[in-house]
Amino acid sequence: MKPKVLLVAGPTAGGKTALGVKLAKALNGEIVSADSMQVYKGMAIATAQPDEEEKQDVPHHLMAFLDPWEPFSVAKYQALAFDCIREIHSRGKLPILVGGTGLYIDAVVRNTRFLDCEPTLLRAQLEEDLKTLGPQALYRRLCEVDPETAAGIHVNDAKRILRALELFETTGKTMTDQRVFSHTQESPFDFCKFLLCAADRSILYARIDRRVDRMLSDGLLDEARAFFSLENASTAKQAIGYKELKPFFDGDCSLEAAVSHLKTETRRYCKRQLTWFRKYDDYHRLFIDLQTPEALFGSALSLSQRFIGEK
């Protein structure tokens, strides 16, 4: 039988951490983070990493283990998550995957296979071409080698254009090839999936606003300043909570305006997360605004116990 794994997914500020910890304490489990920014050290506030009180002595894995300048990818995350889940299971514990990064979650749940495309000097050359030639020139290059992928990318979407060109020029394979290749094997694990959501999206937005206010009181400004002093942490600096504050640090806007922008961008991110998970119909949807926290946990616990074979 495949090792059993619980998954607690959903948008930011939806209560994933609290539910994951409650399930772990009730079912002898351990948490495996599925958040693309919580992997970095020194970003506890911006990425809403749980503190020791919130963890309640439940072990948390794949969290705050990378320096912000270290390269990382979804393929590397998948390999680490697979090893972590197997190790937890080998000790008789229940692995509980908790997070909101859809790409990371899919890589584990759907056993995405990746063509070998590690960062190379080619990326630097492509980025230089982008600066000197512009995104339209690189888009035309992509149209020549992978017209199907190019058709789904906006001509000014430099990030996706660069990624597609790098894959092709490194491996000789296109993004279209990657999509065909990626989901040809079953997952090595058996999942019970929970999705935290809200019937009234304004409930989530209000929780986001409160979270941002709490982050600021916890020291977000100092944490962000420290990160902008690092010259080689470009990926980590793109975390929501940092880049929105940059205009304030540069003297281009007030703190009030920067915080308002941060709240807006976090709500937009929440919307993108909801859109990502909406395409799947095999999640148990738990509505945070239609149940009390106790009732919601009771529903999740009952379904989990049935899944793992407990009475």
C-alpha atoms as a PDB file:
ATOM      1  CA  MET A   1       0.000   0.000   0.000  1.00  0.00           C
ATOM      2  CA  LYS A   2       1.131   3.536  -0.724  1.00  0.00           C
ATOM      3  CA  PRO A   3       2.088   5.697   2.265  1.00  0.00           C
ATOM      4  CA  LYS A   4      -0.849   7.860   3.314  1.00  0.00           C
ATOM      5  CA  VAL A   5      -0.449  11.622   3.382  1.00  0.00           C
ATOM      6  CA  LEU A   6      -2.794  14.414   4.415  1.00  0.00           C
ATOM      7  CA  LEU A   7      -2.786  17.645   2.425  1.00  0.00           C
ATOM      8  CA  VAL A   8      -4.018  20.960   3.808  1.00  0.00           C
ATOM      9  CA  ALA A   9      -4.036  23.542   1.011  1.00  0.00           C
ATOM     10  CA  GLY A  10      -5.666  26.873   0.352  1.00  0.00           C
ATOM     11  CA  PRO A  11      -5.122  30.604   0.048  1.00  0.00           C
ATOM     12  CA  THR A  12      -3.010  32.817   2.261  1.00  0.00           C
ATOM     13  CA  ALA A  13      -4.539  33.688   5.654  1.00  0.00           C
ATOM     14  CA  GLY A  14      -7.015  30.836   5.322  1.00  0.00           C
ATOM     15  CA  GLY A  15      -5.924  29.002   8.483  1.00  0.00           C
ATOM     16  CA  LYS A  16      -3.833  26.196   6.958  1.00  0.00           C
ATOM     17  CA  THR A  17      -1.151  26.238   9.642  1.00  0.00           C
ATOM     18  CA  ALA A  18      -3.601  26.016  12.533  1.00  0.00           C
ATOM     19  CA  LEU A  19      -5.559  23.149  10.976  1.00  0.00           C
ATOM     20  CA  GLY A  20      -2.404  21.271  10.032  1.00  0.00           C
ATOM     21  CA  VAL A  21      -1.043  21.510  13.565  1.00  0.00           C
ATOM     22  CA  LYS A  22      -4.362  20.374  15.093  1.00  0.00           C
ATOM     23  CA  LEU A  23      -4.478  17.347  12.788  1.00  0.00           C
ATOM     24  CA  ALA A  24      -0.832  16.532  13.511  1.00  0.00           C
ATOM     25  CA  LYS A  25      -1.421  16.588  17.274  1.00  0.00           C
ATOM     26  CA  ALA A  26      -4.539  14.428  16.968  1.00  0.00           C
ATOM     27  CA  LEU A  27      -3.075  11.910  14.496  1.00  0.00           C
ATOM     28  CA  ASN A  28       0.608  11.638  15.472  1.00  0.00           C
ATOM     29  CA  GLY A  29       1.669  13.641  12.449  1.00  0.00           C
ATOM     30  CA  GLU A  30       4.427  15.955  11.277  1.00  0.00           C
ATOM     31  CA  ILE A  31       4.172  18.948   8.951  1.00  0.00           C
ATOM     32  CA  VAL A  32       5.887  19.244   5.555  1.00  0.00           C
ATOM     33  CA  SER A  33       5.720  22.829   4.278  1.00  0.00           C
ATOM     34  CA  ALA A  34       4.603  23.457   0.682  1.00  0.00           C
ATOM     35  CA  ASP A  35       5.406  27.153   0.436  1.00  0.00           C
ATOM     36  CA  SER A  36       7.896  28.455  -2.123  1.00  0.00           C
ATOM     37  CA  MET A  37       9.068  31.331   0.099  1.00  0.00           C
ATOM     38  CA  GLN A  38       9.045  29.665   3.519  1.00  0.00           C
ATOM     39  CA  VAL A  39      12.055  27.624   2.389  1.00  0.00           C
ATOM     40  CA  TYR A  40      14.267  30.686   2.963  1.00  0.00           C
ATOM     41  CA  LYS A  41      15.940  31.703   6.197  1.00  0.00           C
ATOM     42  CA  GLY A  42      15.359  35.129   7.680  1.00  0.00           C
ATOM     43  CA  MET A  43      11.923  35.650   6.130  1.00  0.00           C
ATOM     44  CA  ALA A  44       9.766  34.487   9.009  1.00  0.00           C
ATOM     45  CA  ILE A  45       7.522  37.548   9.137  1.00  0.00           C
ATOM     46  CA  ALA A  46       6.947  38.177   5.425  1.00  0.00           C
ATOM     47  CA  THR A  47       6.200  34.512   4.701  1.00  0.00           C
ATOM     48  CA  ALA A  48       4.086  33.990   7.847  1.00  0.00           C
ATOM     49  CA  GLN A  49       6.230  31.147   9.124  1.00  0.00           C
ATOM     50  CA  PRO A  50       4.684  29.726  12.306  1.00  0.00           C
ATOM     51  CA  ASP A  51       6.545  30.538  15.492  1.00  0.00           C
ATOM     52  CA  GLU A  52       7.261  27.989  18.220  1.00  0.00           C
ATOM     53  CA  GLU A  53       3.992  28.742  19.986  1.00  0.00           C
ATOM     54  CA  GLU A  54       1.998  28.151  16.806  1.00  0.00           C
ATOM     55  CA  LYS A  55       3.894  24.924  16.055  1.00  0.00           C
ATOM     56  CA  GLN A  56       2.869  23.499  19.450  1.00  0.00           C
ATOM     57  CA  ASP A  57       5.873  21.144  19.469  1.00  0.00           C
ATOM     58  CA  VAL A  58       4.809  19.585  16.154  1.00  0.00           C
ATOM     59  CA  PRO A  59       7.891  19.045  13.916  1.00  0.00           C
ATOM     60  CA  HIS A  60       7.873  21.190  10.770  1.00  0.00           C
ATOM     61  CA  HIS A  61      10.008  20.296   7.750  1.00  0.00           C
ATOM     62  CA  LEU A  62      11.282  22.121   4.625  1.00  0.00           C
ATOM     63  CA  MET A  63      10.973  25.491   6.304  1.00  0.00           C
ATOM     64  CA  ALA A  64      13.730  28.124   6.690  1.00  0.00           C
ATOM     65  CA  PHE A  65      16.546  25.844   5.523  1.00  0.00           C
ATOM     66  CA  LEU A  66      17.916  27.814   2.542  1.00  0.00           C
ATOM     67  CA  ASP A  67      19.966  30.987   2.457  1.00  0.00           C
ATOM     68  CA  PRO A  68      18.120  33.548   0.313  1.00  0.00           C
ATOM     69  CA  TRP A  69      20.833  33.593  -2.355  1.00  0.00           C
ATOM     70  CA  GLU A  70      20.795  29.824  -2.906  1.00  0.00           C
ATOM     71  CA  PRO A  71      19.180  28.656  -6.166  1.00  0.00           C
ATOM     72  CA  PHE A  72      16.093  26.520  -5.753  1.00  0.00           C
ATOM     73  CA  SER A  73      13.441  25.019  -8.007  1.00  0.00           C
ATOM     74  CA  VAL A  74      10.202  23.095  -7.885  1.00  0.00           C
ATOM     75  CA  ALA A  75      12.090  19.978  -8.996  1.00  0.00           C
ATOM     76  CA  LYS A  76      14.460  20.287  -6.028  1.00  0.00           C
ATOM     77  CA  TYR A  77      11.513  20.876  -3.730  1.00  0.00           C
ATOM     78  CA  GLN A  78       9.779  17.749  -5.012  1.00  0.00           C
ATOM     79  CA  ALA A  79      12.847  15.578  -4.375  1.00  0.00           C
ATOM     80  CA  LEU A  80      13.219  16.920  -0.833  1.00  0.00           C
ATOM     81  CA  ALA A  81       9.490  16.555  -0.115  1.00  0.00           C
ATOM     82  CA  PHE A  82       9.447  12.948  -1.344  1.00  0.00           C
ATOM     83  CA  ASP A  83      12.410  12.089   0.904  1.00  0.00           C
ATOM     84  CA  CYS A  84      10.857  13.915   3.843  1.00  0.00           C
ATOM     85  CA  ILE A  85       7.465  12.204   3.496  1.00  0.00           C
ATOM     86  CA  ARG A  86       9.079   8.761   3.261  1.00  0.00           C
ATOM     87  CA  GLU A  87      11.275   9.453   6.303  1.00  0.00           C
ATOM     88  CA  ILE A  88       8.321  10.612   8.404  1.00  0.00           C
ATOM     89  CA  HIS A  89       6.285   7.583   7.358  1.00  0.00           C
ATOM     90  CA  SER A  90       9.203   5.241   8.171  1.00  0.00           C
ATOM     91  CA  ARG A  91       9.030   6.426  11.785  1.00  0.00           C
ATOM     92  CA  GLY A  92       5.351   5.548  12.058  1.00  0.00           C
ATOM     93  CA  LYS A  93       4.239   9.174  11.830  1.00  0.00           C
ATOM     94  CA  LEU A  94       1.622  10.683   9.526  1.00  0.00           C
ATOM     95  CA  PRO A  95       3.037  13.169   6.970  1.00  0.00           C
ATOM     96  CA  ILE A  96       0.858  16.278   6.549  1.00  0.00           C
ATOM     97  CA  LEU A  97       1.651  18.511   3.582  1.00  0.00           C
ATOM     98  CA  VAL A  98       0.603  22.090   4.372  1.00  0.00           C
ATOM     99  CA  GLY A  99       0.862  25.106   2.085  1.00  0.00           C
ATOM    100  CA  GLY A 100      -0.515  27.290  -0.645  1.00  0.00           C
ATOM    101  CA  THR A 101       2.035  27.114  -3.465  1.00  0.00           C
ATOM    102  CA  GLY A 102       0.049  25.245  -6.092  1.00  0.00           C
ATOM    103  CA  LEU A 103       3.049  24.367  -8.251  1.00  0.00           C
ATOM    104  CA  TYR A 104       4.870  22.757  -5.307  1.00  0.00           C
ATOM    105  CA  ILE A 105       1.749  20.876  -4.211  1.00  0.00           C
ATOM    106  CA  ASP A 106       1.073  19.578  -7.718  1.00  0.00           C
ATOM    107  CA  ALA A 107       4.682  18.424  -8.048  1.00  0.00           C
ATOM    108  CA  VAL A 108       4.182  16.139  -5.035  1.00  0.00           C
ATOM    109  CA  VAL A 109       0.540  15.140  -5.452  1.00  0.00           C
ATOM    110  CA  ARG A 110       0.666  14.574  -9.217  1.00  0.00           C
ATOM    111  CA  ASN A 111       4.254  13.254  -9.237  1.00  0.00           C
ATOM    112  CA  THR A 112       5.342  15.783 -11.851  1.00  0.00           C
ATOM    113  CA  ARG A 113       8.421  14.678 -13.766  1.00  0.00           C
ATOM    114  CA  PHE A 114      10.905  17.340 -14.776  1.00  0.00           C
ATOM    115  CA  LEU A 115      13.292  17.530 -17.674  1.00  0.00           C
ATOM    116  CA  ASP A 116      16.823  18.147 -16.463  1.00  0.00           C
ATOM    117  CA  CYS A 117      17.253  21.917 -16.671  1.00  0.00           C
ATOM    118  CA  GLU A 118      19.479  23.247 -13.913  1.00  0.00           C
ATOM    119  CA  PRO A 119      20.357  26.959 -13.881  1.00  0.00           C
ATOM    120  CA  THR A 120      23.337  27.596 -16.182  1.00  0.00           C
ATOM    121  CA  LEU A 121      25.316  30.477 -17.655  1.00  0.00           C
ATOM    122  CA  LEU A 122      22.741  30.406 -20.421  1.00  0.00           C
ATOM    123  CA  ARG A 123      20.253  32.112 -18.114  1.00  0.00           C
ATOM    124  CA  ALA A 124      22.584  35.067 -17.659  1.00  0.00           C
ATOM    125  CA  GLN A 125      22.977  35.329 -21.422  1.00  0.00           C
ATOM    126  CA  LEU A 126      19.221  35.213 -21.963  1.00  0.00           C
ATOM    127  CA  GLU A 127      18.715  37.897 -19.325  1.00  0.00           C
ATOM    128  CA  GLU A 128      21.318  40.043 -21.082  1.00  0.00           C
ATOM    129  CA  ASP A 129      19.512  39.479 -24.403  1.00  0.00           C
ATOM    130  CA  LEU A 130      16.317  40.579 -22.708  1.00  0.00           C
ATOM    131  CA  LYS A 131      17.918  43.853 -21.623  1.00  0.00           C
ATOM    132  CA  THR A 132      19.499  44.627 -24.984  1.00  0.00           C
ATOM    133  CA  LEU A 133      16.939  43.210 -27.430  1.00  0.00           C
ATOM    134  CA  GLY A 134      13.716  43.408 -25.423  1.00  0.00           C
ATOM    135  CA  PRO A 135      11.024  40.782 -24.696  1.00  0.00           C
ATOM    136  CA  GLN A 136       9.479  40.953 -28.167  1.00  0.00           C
ATOM    137  CA  ALA A 137      12.683  39.760 -29.818  1.00  0.00           C
ATOM    138  CA  LEU A 138      12.923  36.812 -27.408  1.00  0.00           C
ATOM    139  CA  TYR A 139       9.236  36.092 -27.911  1.00  0.00           C
ATOM    140  CA  ARG A 140       9.820  35.816 -31.676  1.00  0.00           C
ATOM    141  CA  ARG A 141      12.660  33.389 -30.955  1.00  0.00           C
ATOM    142  CA  LEU A 142      10.302  31.303 -28.809  1.00  0.00           C
ATOM    143  CA  CYS A 143       7.650  31.313 -31.550  1.00  0.00           C
ATOM    144  CA  GLU A 144      10.186  29.672 -33.852  1.00  0.00           C
ATOM    145  CA  VAL A 145      11.146  26.823 -31.501  1.00  0.00           C
ATOM    146  CA  ASP A 146       7.908  26.253 -29.536  1.00  0.00           C
ATOM    147  CA  PRO A 147       4.915  27.965 -31.159  1.00  0.00           C
ATOM    148  CA  GLU A 148       2.404  26.081 -28.988  1.00  0.00           C
ATOM    149  CA  THR A 149       3.895  27.403 -25.751  1.00  0.00           C
ATOM    150  CA  ALA A 150       4.371  30.865 -27.239  1.00  0.00           C
ATOM    151  CA  ALA A 151       0.671  31.000 -28.120  1.00  0.00           C
ATOM    152  CA  GLY A 152      -0.171  30.813 -24.402  1.00  0.00           C
ATOM    153  CA  ILE A 153       2.328  33.479 -23.273  1.00  0.00           C
ATOM    154  CA  HIS A 154       1.937  37.243 -23.557  1.00  0.00           C
ATOM    155  CA  VAL A 155       4.623  38.907 -25.648  1.00  0.00           C
ATOM    156  CA  ASN A 156       5.749  40.960 -22.636  1.00  0.00           C
ATOM    157  CA  ASP A 157       5.776  38.085 -20.105  1.00  0.00           C
ATOM    158  CA  ALA A 158       9.562  38.065 -19.881  1.00  0.00           C
ATOM    159  CA  LYS A 159       9.805  35.557 -17.030  1.00  0.00           C
ATOM    160  CA  ARG A 160       7.892  32.793 -18.813  1.00  0.00           C
ATOM    161  CA  ILE A 161       9.577  33.528 -22.148  1.00  0.00           C
ATOM    162  CA  LEU A 162      13.009  33.200 -20.545  1.00  0.00           C
ATOM    163  CA  ARG A 163      12.039  29.976 -18.787  1.00  0.00           C
ATOM    164  CA  ALA A 164      10.750  28.396 -21.995  1.00  0.00           C
ATOM    165  CA  LEU A 165      13.812  29.418 -24.000  1.00  0.00           C
ATOM    166  CA  GLU A 166      16.187  28.228 -21.297  1.00  0.00           C
ATOM    167  CA  LEU A 167      14.512  24.828 -21.192  1.00  0.00           C
ATOM    168  CA  PHE A 168      14.746  24.433 -24.960  1.00  0.00           C
ATOM    169  CA  GLU A 169      18.305  25.657 -25.325  1.00  0.00           C
ATOM    170  CA  THR A 170      19.517  23.584 -22.359  1.00  0.00           C
ATOM    171  CA  THR A 171      17.727  20.305 -23.067  1.00  0.00           C
ATOM    172  CA  GLY A 172      16.578  20.492 -26.657  1.00  0.00           C
ATOM    173  CA  LYS A 173      13.033  19.941 -25.357  1.00  0.00           C
ATOM    174  CA  THR A 174      10.163  22.404 -25.394  1.00  0.00           C
ATOM    175  CA  MET A 175       7.683  23.326 -22.690  1.00  0.00           C
ATOM    176  CA  THR A 176       5.163  21.378 -24.754  1.00  0.00           C
ATOM    177  CA  ASP A 177       7.424  18.318 -24.434  1.00  0.00           C
ATOM    178  CA  GLN A 178       7.645  18.954 -20.671  1.00  0.00           C
ATOM    179  CA  ARG A 179       3.855  18.981 -20.312  1.00  0.00           C
ATOM    180  CA  VAL A 180       3.539  15.666 -22.164  1.00  0.00           C
ATOM    181  CA  PHE A 181       6.393  14.146 -20.162  1.00  0.00           C
ATOM    182  CA  SER A 182       5.465  15.493 -16.749  1.00  0.00           C
ATOM    183  CA  HIS A 183       2.457  13.421 -15.672  1.00  0.00           C
ATOM    184  CA  THR A 184       3.069   9.915 -16.941  1.00  0.00           C
ATOM    185  CA  GLN A 185       3.579   8.226 -13.570  1.00  0.00           C
ATOM    186  CA  GLU A 186       1.274   7.818 -10.587  1.00  0.00           C
ATOM    187  CA  SER A 187       2.107   9.452  -7.298  1.00  0.00           C
ATOM    188  CA  PRO A 188       3.990   7.188  -4.868  1.00  0.00           C
ATOM    189  CA  PHE A 189       1.648   8.374  -2.112  1.00  0.00           C
ATOM    190  CA  ASP A 190      -2.057   8.189  -1.285  1.00  0.00           C
ATOM    191  CA  PHE A 191      -3.528  11.593  -0.455  1.00  0.00           C
ATOM    192  CA  CYS A 192      -6.503  12.878   1.492  1.00  0.00           C
ATOM    193  CA  LYS A 193      -6.801  16.502   0.358  1.00  0.00           C
ATOM    194  CA  PHE A 194      -8.371  19.424   2.186  1.00  0.00           C
ATOM    195  CA  LEU A 195      -8.910  22.849   0.698  1.00  0.00           C
ATOM    196  CA  LEU A 196      -9.643  25.756   3.009  1.00  0.00           C
ATOM    197  CA  CYS A 197     -11.818  28.357   1.315  1.00  0.00           C
ATOM    198  CA  ALA A 198     -14.579  30.882   1.978  1.00  0.00           C
ATOM    199  CA  ALA A 199     -18.049  31.201   0.494  1.00  0.00           C
ATOM    200  CA  ASP A 200     -17.688  34.959   0.998  1.00  0.00           C
ATOM    201  CA  ARG A 201     -14.269  36.012  -0.305  1.00  0.00           C
ATOM    202  CA  SER A 202     -14.414  39.260   1.670  1.00  0.00           C
ATOM    203  CA  ILE A 203     -13.844  37.135   4.800  1.00  0.00           C
ATOM    204  CA  LEU A 204     -10.456  36.095   3.438  1.00  0.00           C
ATOM    205  CA  TYR A 205      -9.631  39.658   2.428  1.00  0.00           C
ATOM    206  CA  ALA A 206     -10.393  40.938   5.931  1.00  0.00           C
ATOM    207  CA  ARG A 207      -8.132  38.245   7.387  1.00  0.00           C
ATOM    208  CA  ILE A 208      -5.384  39.294   4.977  1.00  0.00           C
ATOM    209  CA  ASP A 209      -5.634  42.914   6.100  1.00  0.00           C
ATOM    210  CA  ARG A 210      -5.385  41.879   9.743  1.00  0.00           C
ATOM    211  CA  ARG A 211      -2.409  39.647   8.988  1.00  0.00           C
ATOM    212  CA  VAL A 212      -0.532  42.474   7.252  1.00  0.00           C
ATOM    213  CA  ASP A 213      -1.161  44.769  10.221  1.00  0.00           C
ATOM    214  CA  ARG A 214       0.158  42.054  12.544  1.00  0.00           C
ATOM    215  CA  MET A 215       3.256  41.557  10.362  1.00  0.00           C
ATOM    216  CA  LEU A 216       4.051  45.241  10.613  1.00  0.00           C
ATOM    217  CA  SER A 217       3.730  45.210  14.381  1.00  0.00           C
ATOM    218  CA  ASP A 218       5.969  42.113  14.479  1.00  0.00           C
ATOM    219  CA  GLY A 219       8.799  43.902  12.658  1.00  0.00           C
ATOM    220  CA  LEU A 220       8.213  43.456   8.917  1.00  0.00           C
ATOM    221  CA  LEU A 221       9.874  46.770   8.061  1.00  0.00           C
ATOM    222  CA  ASP A 222      13.155  45.818   9.734  1.00  0.00           C
ATOM    223  CA  GLU A 223      13.099  42.365   8.121  1.00  0.00           C
ATOM    224  CA  ALA A 224      12.483  43.884   4.673  1.00  0.00           C
ATOM    225  CA  ARG A 225      15.260  46.461   5.110  1.00  0.00           C
ATOM    226  CA  ALA A 226      17.690  43.660   5.953  1.00  0.00           C
ATOM    227  CA  PHE A 227      16.775  41.796   2.794  1.00  0.00           C
ATOM    228  CA  PHE A 228      17.138  44.799   0.530  1.00  0.00           C
ATOM    229  CA  SER A 229      20.686  45.159   1.834  1.00  0.00           C
ATOM    230  CA  LEU A 230      21.520  41.771   0.287  1.00  0.00           C
ATOM    231  CA  GLU A 231      22.803  42.053  -3.278  1.00  0.00           C
ATOM    232  CA  ASN A 232      22.386  38.422  -4.303  1.00  0.00           C
ATOM    233  CA  ALA A 233      18.934  37.453  -3.009  1.00  0.00           C
ATOM    234  CA  SER A 234      16.867  38.509  -6.015  1.00  0.00           C
ATOM    235  CA  THR A 235      14.387  35.625  -5.780  1.00  0.00           C
ATOM    236  CA  ALA A 236      13.691  36.081  -2.090  1.00  0.00           C
ATOM    237  CA  LYS A 237      13.260  39.828  -2.543  1.00  0.00           C
ATOM    238  CA  GLN A 238      10.268  39.104  -4.774  1.00  0.00           C
ATOM    239  CA  ALA A 239       8.306  37.734  -1.828  1.00  0.00           C
ATOM    240  CA  ILE A 240       5.043  39.541  -1.192  1.00  0.00           C
ATOM    241  CA  GLY A 241       5.767  41.762   1.774  1.00  0.00           C
ATOM    242  CA  TYR A 242       9.141  43.013   0.531  1.00  0.00           C
ATOM    243  CA  LYS A 243       8.807  44.381  -2.984  1.00  0.00           C
ATOM    244  CA  GLU A 244       5.659  46.347  -2.091  1.00  0.00           C
ATOM    245  CA  LEU A 245       7.629  48.204   0.604  1.00  0.00           C
ATOM    246  CA  LYS A 246      10.545  49.126  -1.672  1.00  0.00           C
ATOM    247  CA  PRO A 247       8.970  52.422  -2.885  1.00  0.00           C
ATOM    248  CA  PHE A 248       8.629  53.494   0.759  1.00  0.00           C
ATOM    249  CA  PHE A 249      12.294  52.707   1.465  1.00  0.00           C
ATOM    250  CA  ASP A 250      13.270  54.624  -1.691  1.00  0.00           C
ATOM    251  CA  GLY A 251      11.247  57.657  -0.575  1.00  0.00           C
ATOM    252  CA  ASP A 252       8.802  57.366  -3.474  1.00  0.00           C
ATOM    253  CA  CYS A 253       5.649  56.914  -1.391  1.00  0.00           C
ATOM    254  CA  SER A 254       4.354  57.042   2.163  1.00  0.00           C
ATOM    255  CA  LEU A 255       4.285  54.049   4.470  1.00  0.00           C
ATOM    256  CA  GLU A 256       0.493  54.185   4.407  1.00  0.00           C
ATOM    257  CA  ALA A 257       0.473  53.930   0.606  1.00  0.00           C
ATOM    258  CA  ALA A 258       3.000  51.073   0.622  1.00  0.00           C
ATOM    259  CA  VAL A 259       0.988  49.112   3.192  1.00  0.00           C
ATOM    260  CA  SER A 260      -2.203  49.665   1.210  1.00  0.00           C
ATOM    261  CA  HIS A 261      -0.424  48.332  -1.889  1.00  0.00           C
ATOM    262  CA  LEU A 262       0.847  45.345   0.093  1.00  0.00           C
ATOM    263  CA  LYS A 263      -2.675  44.471   1.187  1.00  0.00           C
ATOM    264  CA  THR A 264      -3.947  44.806  -2.379  1.00  0.00           C
ATOM    265  CA  GLU A 265      -1.200  42.575  -3.802  1.00  0.00           C
ATOM    266  CA  THR A 266      -1.776  39.962  -1.107  1.00  0.00           C
ATOM    267  CA  ARG A 267      -5.476  39.874  -1.964  1.00  0.00           C
ATOM    268  CA  ARG A 268      -4.573  39.435  -5.627  1.00  0.00           C
ATOM    269  CA  TYR A 269      -2.272  36.573  -4.708  1.00  0.00           C
ATOM    270  CA  CYS A 270      -5.110  35.016  -2.708  1.00  0.00           C
ATOM    271  CA  LYS A 271      -7.336  35.245  -5.774  1.00  0.00           C
ATOM    272  CA  ARG A 272      -4.701  33.524  -7.934  1.00  0.00           C
ATOM    273  CA  GLN A 273      -4.410  30.726  -5.378  1.00  0.00           C
ATOM    274  CA  LEU A 274      -8.171  30.202  -5.381  1.00  0.00           C
ATOM    275  CA  THR A 275      -8.158  30.084  -9.174  1.00  0.00           C
ATOM    276  CA  TRP A 276      -5.364  27.486  -9.155  1.00  0.00           C
ATOM    277  CA  PHE A 277      -7.168  25.104  -6.806  1.00  0.00           C
ATOM    278  CA  ARG A 278     -10.599  25.626  -8.357  1.00  0.00           C
ATOM    279  CA  LYS A 279      -9.697  23.347 -11.265  1.00  0.00           C
ATOM    280  CA  TYR A 280      -9.498  20.294  -8.986  1.00  0.00           C
ATOM    281  CA  ASP A 281     -12.599  18.448  -7.786  1.00  0.00           C
ATOM    282  CA  ASP A 282     -10.912  15.841  -5.554  1.00  0.00           C
ATOM    283  CA  TYR A 283     -10.394  18.117  -2.530  1.00  0.00           C
ATOM    284  CA  HIS A 284     -12.596  18.138   0.544  1.00  0.00           C
ATOM    285  CA  ARG A 285     -13.615  21.797   0.657  1.00  0.00           C
ATOM    286  CA  LEU A 286     -13.789  23.284   4.142  1.00  0.00           C
ATOM    287  CA  PHE A 287     -15.440  26.705   4.361  1.00  0.00           C
ATOM    288  CA  ILE A 288     -13.981  28.868   7.099  1.00  0.00           C
ATOM    289  CA  ASP A 289     -17.027  31.158   7.105  1.00  0.00           C
ATOM    290  CA  LEU A 290     -19.705  28.442   7.201  1.00  0.00           C
ATOM    291  CA  GLN A 291     -18.342  26.434  10.147  1.00  0.00           C
ATOM    292  CA  THR A 292     -16.858  27.296  13.495  1.00  0.00           C
ATOM    293  CA  PRO A 293     -13.146  26.423  13.798  1.00  0.00           C
ATOM    294  CA  GLU A 294     -14.115  23.532  16.086  1.00  0.00           C
ATOM    295  CA  ALA A 295     -16.652  22.134  13.619  1.00  0.00           C
ATOM    296  CA  LEU A 296     -14.255  22.555  10.708  1.00  0.00           C
ATOM    297  CA  PHE A 297     -11.535  20.673  12.567  1.00  0.00           C
ATOM    298  CA  GLY A 298     -14.042  17.978  13.520  1.00  0.00           C
ATOM    299  CA  SER A 299     -14.956  17.458   9.874  1.00  0.00           C
ATOM    300  CA  ALA A 300     -11.310  17.274   8.810  1.00  0.00           C
ATOM    301  CA  LEU A 301     -10.428  14.909  11.662  1.00  0.00           C
ATOM    302  CA  SER A 302     -13.313  12.548  10.901  1.00  0.00           C
ATOM    303  CA  LEU A 303     -12.395  12.370   7.208  1.00  0.00           C
ATOM    304  CA  SER A 304      -8.716  11.887   8.075  1.00  0.00           C
ATOM    305  CA  GLN A 305      -9.420   9.068  10.508  1.00  0.00           C
ATOM    306  CA  ARG A 306     -11.521   7.293   7.926  1.00  0.00           C
ATOM    307  CA  PHE A 307      -8.728   7.789   5.367  1.00  0.00           C
ATOM    308  CA  ILE A 308      -5.979   6.317   7.538  1.00  0.00           C
ATOM    309  CA  GLY A 309      -8.180   3.533   8.853  1.00  0.00           C
ATOM    310  CA  GLU A 310      -8.764   4.748  12.405  1.00  0.00           C
ATOM    311  CA  LYS A 311     -12.153   4.456  14.006  1.00  0.00           C
END
